[in-house]
Amino acid sequence: MESTSLTTLAEEQLAKAREGAAGRSAVTVHGGRDFVMRQTLMALVGEQGLAAHESPGEATLQVISGRVRMNAGEETWEGGAGELLIIPPKRHDLQALEDSVILLTVGTGSNG
């Protein structure tokens, strides 16, 4: 059985994001090519984000710390620590309203 402290990992990734020129950092927590699910912990410095991109398919976003905003077409969602969003199946962007850490969970559709 494997265990990971998301709190510790979030602190580490946020420190890396603050040091990096892009203002973000990410690490895969679980999954990859041979799994049906992938979880990625992503840290974003306030005012940084991800430009508009297509939906990865079935996915959720959990806010670990901070506050983020997602725009998807005419819809806007803002969430803080402890909130979970089912990502809509359409083009969207994400912005950190303050230093934030999220856990992105994506269904990959096959296990190899």
C-alpha atoms as a PDB file:
ATOM      1  CA  MET A   1       0.000   0.000   0.000  1.00  0.00           C
ATOM      2  CA  GLU A   2       1.371   3.418  -0.961  1.00  0.00           C
ATOM      3  CA  SER A   3       0.691   6.635   0.918  1.00  0.00           C
ATOM      4  CA  THR A   4       1.515  10.216  -0.030  1.00  0.00           C
ATOM      5  CA  SER A   5       1.120  13.379   2.024  1.00  0.00           C
ATOM      6  CA  LEU A   6      -0.648  15.825  -0.287  1.00  0.00           C
ATOM      7  CA  THR A   7       0.053  18.586   2.233  1.00  0.00           C
ATOM      8  CA  THR A   8       3.818  18.035   2.070  1.00  0.00           C
ATOM      9  CA  LEU A   9       3.782  17.565  -1.693  1.00  0.00           C
ATOM     10  CA  ALA A  10       1.707  20.750  -2.095  1.00  0.00           C
ATOM     11  CA  GLU A  11       4.212  22.766  -0.057  1.00  0.00           C
ATOM     12  CA  GLU A  12       7.125  21.394  -2.111  1.00  0.00           C
ATOM     13  CA  GLN A  13       5.442  22.097  -5.452  1.00  0.00           C
ATOM     14  CA  LEU A  14       4.378  25.598  -4.421  1.00  0.00           C
ATOM     15  CA  ALA A  15       7.988  26.381  -3.431  1.00  0.00           C
ATOM     16  CA  LYS A  16       9.123  25.179  -6.879  1.00  0.00           C
ATOM     17  CA  ALA A  17       6.427  27.264  -8.586  1.00  0.00           C
ATOM     18  CA  ARG A  18       7.547  30.380  -6.711  1.00  0.00           C
ATOM     19  CA  GLU A  19      11.144  29.778  -7.832  1.00  0.00           C
ATOM     20  CA  GLY A  20      10.337  29.022 -11.476  1.00  0.00           C
ATOM     21  CA  ALA A  21       9.925  31.542 -14.283  1.00  0.00           C
ATOM     22  CA  ALA A  22       6.563  30.066 -15.350  1.00  0.00           C
ATOM     23  CA  GLY A  23       5.083  30.395 -11.868  1.00  0.00           C
ATOM     24  CA  ARG A  24       3.860  26.832 -11.807  1.00  0.00           C
ATOM     25  CA  SER A  25       5.009  23.319 -11.007  1.00  0.00           C
ATOM     26  CA  ALA A  26       3.419  19.897 -11.339  1.00  0.00           C
ATOM     27  CA  VAL A  27       4.072  16.303 -10.378  1.00  0.00           C
ATOM     28  CA  THR A  28       2.200  13.092 -11.184  1.00  0.00           C
ATOM     29  CA  VAL A  29       0.941  11.600  -7.926  1.00  0.00           C
ATOM     30  CA  HIS A  30      -0.558   8.443  -9.428  1.00  0.00           C
ATOM     31  CA  GLY A  31      -1.052   6.877 -12.817  1.00  0.00           C
ATOM     32  CA  GLY A  32       0.335   7.114 -16.277  1.00  0.00           C
ATOM     33  CA  ARG A  33       0.183   4.994 -19.414  1.00  0.00           C
ATOM     34  CA  ASP A  34      -0.616   1.722 -17.694  1.00  0.00           C
ATOM     35  CA  PHE A  35      -3.458   3.079 -15.541  1.00  0.00           C
ATOM     36  CA  VAL A  36      -7.076   4.121 -16.144  1.00  0.00           C
ATOM     37  CA  MET A  37      -6.633   7.179 -13.951  1.00  0.00           C
ATOM     38  CA  ARG A  38      -3.954   9.842 -13.631  1.00  0.00           C
ATOM     39  CA  GLN A  39      -3.639  12.287 -10.734  1.00  0.00           C
ATOM     40  CA  THR A  40      -1.446  15.356 -11.022  1.00  0.00           C
ATOM     41  CA  LEU A  41      -0.732  17.828  -8.255  1.00  0.00           C
ATOM     42  CA  MET A  42      -0.217  21.307  -9.697  1.00  0.00           C
ATOM     43  CA  ALA A  43       0.945  24.459  -7.925  1.00  0.00           C
ATOM     44  CA  LEU A  44       0.275  27.901  -9.397  1.00  0.00           C
ATOM     45  CA  VAL A  45       1.566  31.232  -8.118  1.00  0.00           C
ATOM     46  CA  GLY A  46      -1.184  33.858  -7.806  1.00  0.00           C
ATOM     47  CA  GLU A  47      -2.243  35.394 -11.143  1.00  0.00           C
ATOM     48  CA  GLN A  48      -0.664  32.495 -13.070  1.00  0.00           C
ATOM     49  CA  GLY A  49      -2.684  29.868 -14.848  1.00  0.00           C
ATOM     50  CA  LEU A  50      -3.287  27.620 -17.793  1.00  0.00           C
ATOM     51  CA  ALA A  51      -4.401  29.149 -21.082  1.00  0.00           C
ATOM     52  CA  ALA A  52      -7.579  27.890 -22.736  1.00  0.00           C
ATOM     53  CA  HIS A  53      -7.283  24.220 -23.687  1.00  0.00           C
ATOM     54  CA  GLU A  54      -9.536  21.314 -24.602  1.00  0.00           C
ATOM     55  CA  SER A  55     -11.055  19.147 -21.921  1.00  0.00           C
ATOM     56  CA  PRO A  56      -8.949  16.096 -21.069  1.00  0.00           C
ATOM     57  CA  GLY A  57     -12.108  13.963 -21.019  1.00  0.00           C
ATOM     58  CA  GLU A  58     -13.555  12.766 -17.744  1.00  0.00           C
ATOM     59  CA  ALA A  59     -11.772  14.832 -15.084  1.00  0.00           C
ATOM     60  CA  THR A  60     -12.075  16.527 -11.721  1.00  0.00           C
ATOM     61  CA  LEU A  61     -10.199  19.350 -10.059  1.00  0.00           C
ATOM     62  CA  GLN A  62      -9.828  19.478  -6.272  1.00  0.00           C
ATOM     63  CA  VAL A  63      -8.489  22.648  -4.671  1.00  0.00           C
ATOM     64  CA  ILE A  64      -5.936  21.690  -2.014  1.00  0.00           C
ATOM     65  CA  SER A  65      -5.049  25.267  -1.057  1.00  0.00           C
ATOM     66  CA  GLY A  66      -5.614  28.776  -2.329  1.00  0.00           C
ATOM     67  CA  ARG A  67      -8.347  29.941  -4.688  1.00  0.00           C
ATOM     68  CA  VAL A  68      -8.763  29.345  -8.446  1.00  0.00           C
ATOM     69  CA  ARG A  69     -11.138  30.365 -11.237  1.00  0.00           C
ATOM     70  CA  MET A  70     -12.122  28.256 -14.249  1.00  0.00           C
ATOM     71  CA  ASN A  71     -13.853  29.677 -17.305  1.00  0.00           C
ATOM     72  CA  ALA A  72     -15.567  27.258 -19.683  1.00  0.00           C
ATOM     73  CA  GLY A  73     -17.539  29.005 -22.400  1.00  0.00           C
ATOM     74  CA  GLU A  74     -20.147  31.173 -20.689  1.00  0.00           C
ATOM     75  CA  GLU A  75     -19.663  29.440 -17.325  1.00  0.00           C
ATOM     76  CA  THR A  76     -17.300  30.597 -14.567  1.00  0.00           C
ATOM     77  CA  TRP A  77     -16.486  28.745 -11.355  1.00  0.00           C
ATOM     78  CA  GLU A  78     -14.405  29.906  -8.400  1.00  0.00           C
ATOM     79  CA  GLY A  79     -13.295  27.472  -5.751  1.00  0.00           C
ATOM     80  CA  GLY A  80     -11.217  27.383  -2.602  1.00  0.00           C
ATOM     81  CA  ALA A  81      -9.557  24.772  -0.426  1.00  0.00           C
ATOM     82  CA  GLY A  82     -11.607  21.615  -0.067  1.00  0.00           C
ATOM     83  CA  GLU A  83     -13.814  22.230  -3.110  1.00  0.00           C
ATOM     84  CA  LEU A  84     -14.149  19.771  -5.969  1.00  0.00           C
ATOM     85  CA  LEU A  85     -15.175  20.592  -9.532  1.00  0.00           C
ATOM     86  CA  ILE A  86     -16.175  18.149 -12.241  1.00  0.00           C
ATOM     87  CA  ILE A  87     -14.433  19.697 -15.237  1.00  0.00           C
ATOM     88  CA  PRO A  88     -16.919  20.382 -18.040  1.00  0.00           C
ATOM     89  CA  PRO A  89     -16.282  18.548 -21.314  1.00  0.00           C
ATOM     90  CA  LYS A  90     -15.420  21.738 -23.219  1.00  0.00           C
ATOM     91  CA  ARG A  91     -12.603  24.178 -23.776  1.00  0.00           C
ATOM     92  CA  HIS A  92     -11.615  25.957 -20.549  1.00  0.00           C
ATOM     93  CA  ASP A  93      -8.873  27.899 -18.793  1.00  0.00           C
ATOM     94  CA  LEU A  94      -7.711  28.076 -15.197  1.00  0.00           C
ATOM     95  CA  GLN A  95      -6.287  30.967 -13.195  1.00  0.00           C
ATOM     96  CA  ALA A  96      -4.911  31.079  -9.674  1.00  0.00           C
ATOM     97  CA  LEU A  97      -6.473  33.997  -7.827  1.00  0.00           C
ATOM     98  CA  GLU A  98      -3.790  33.551  -5.153  1.00  0.00           C
ATOM     99  CA  ASP A  99      -0.997  31.027  -4.629  1.00  0.00           C
ATOM    100  CA  SER A 100      -2.850  27.740  -5.118  1.00  0.00           C
ATOM    101  CA  VAL A 101      -2.421  23.982  -5.324  1.00  0.00           C
ATOM    102  CA  ILE A 102      -4.873  21.710  -7.130  1.00  0.00           C
ATOM    103  CA  LEU A 103      -5.207  17.970  -7.640  1.00  0.00           C
ATOM    104  CA  LEU A 104      -6.264  17.123 -11.190  1.00  0.00           C
ATOM    105  CA  THR A 105      -7.707  13.635 -11.694  1.00  0.00           C
ATOM    106  CA  VAL A 106      -8.179  12.446 -15.289  1.00  0.00           C
ATOM    107  CA  GLY A 107      -9.675   9.229 -16.590  1.00  0.00           C
ATOM    108  CA  THR A 108      -7.397   7.959 -19.362  1.00  0.00           C
ATOM    109  CA  GLY A 109      -9.942   5.535 -20.781  1.00  0.00           C
ATOM    110  CA  SER A 110      -7.795   2.409 -20.874  1.00  0.00           C
ATOM    111  CA  ASN A 111      -5.264   0.496 -18.864  1.00  0.00           C
ATOM    112  CA  GLY A 112      -2.913  -0.360 -21.663  1.00  0.00           C
END
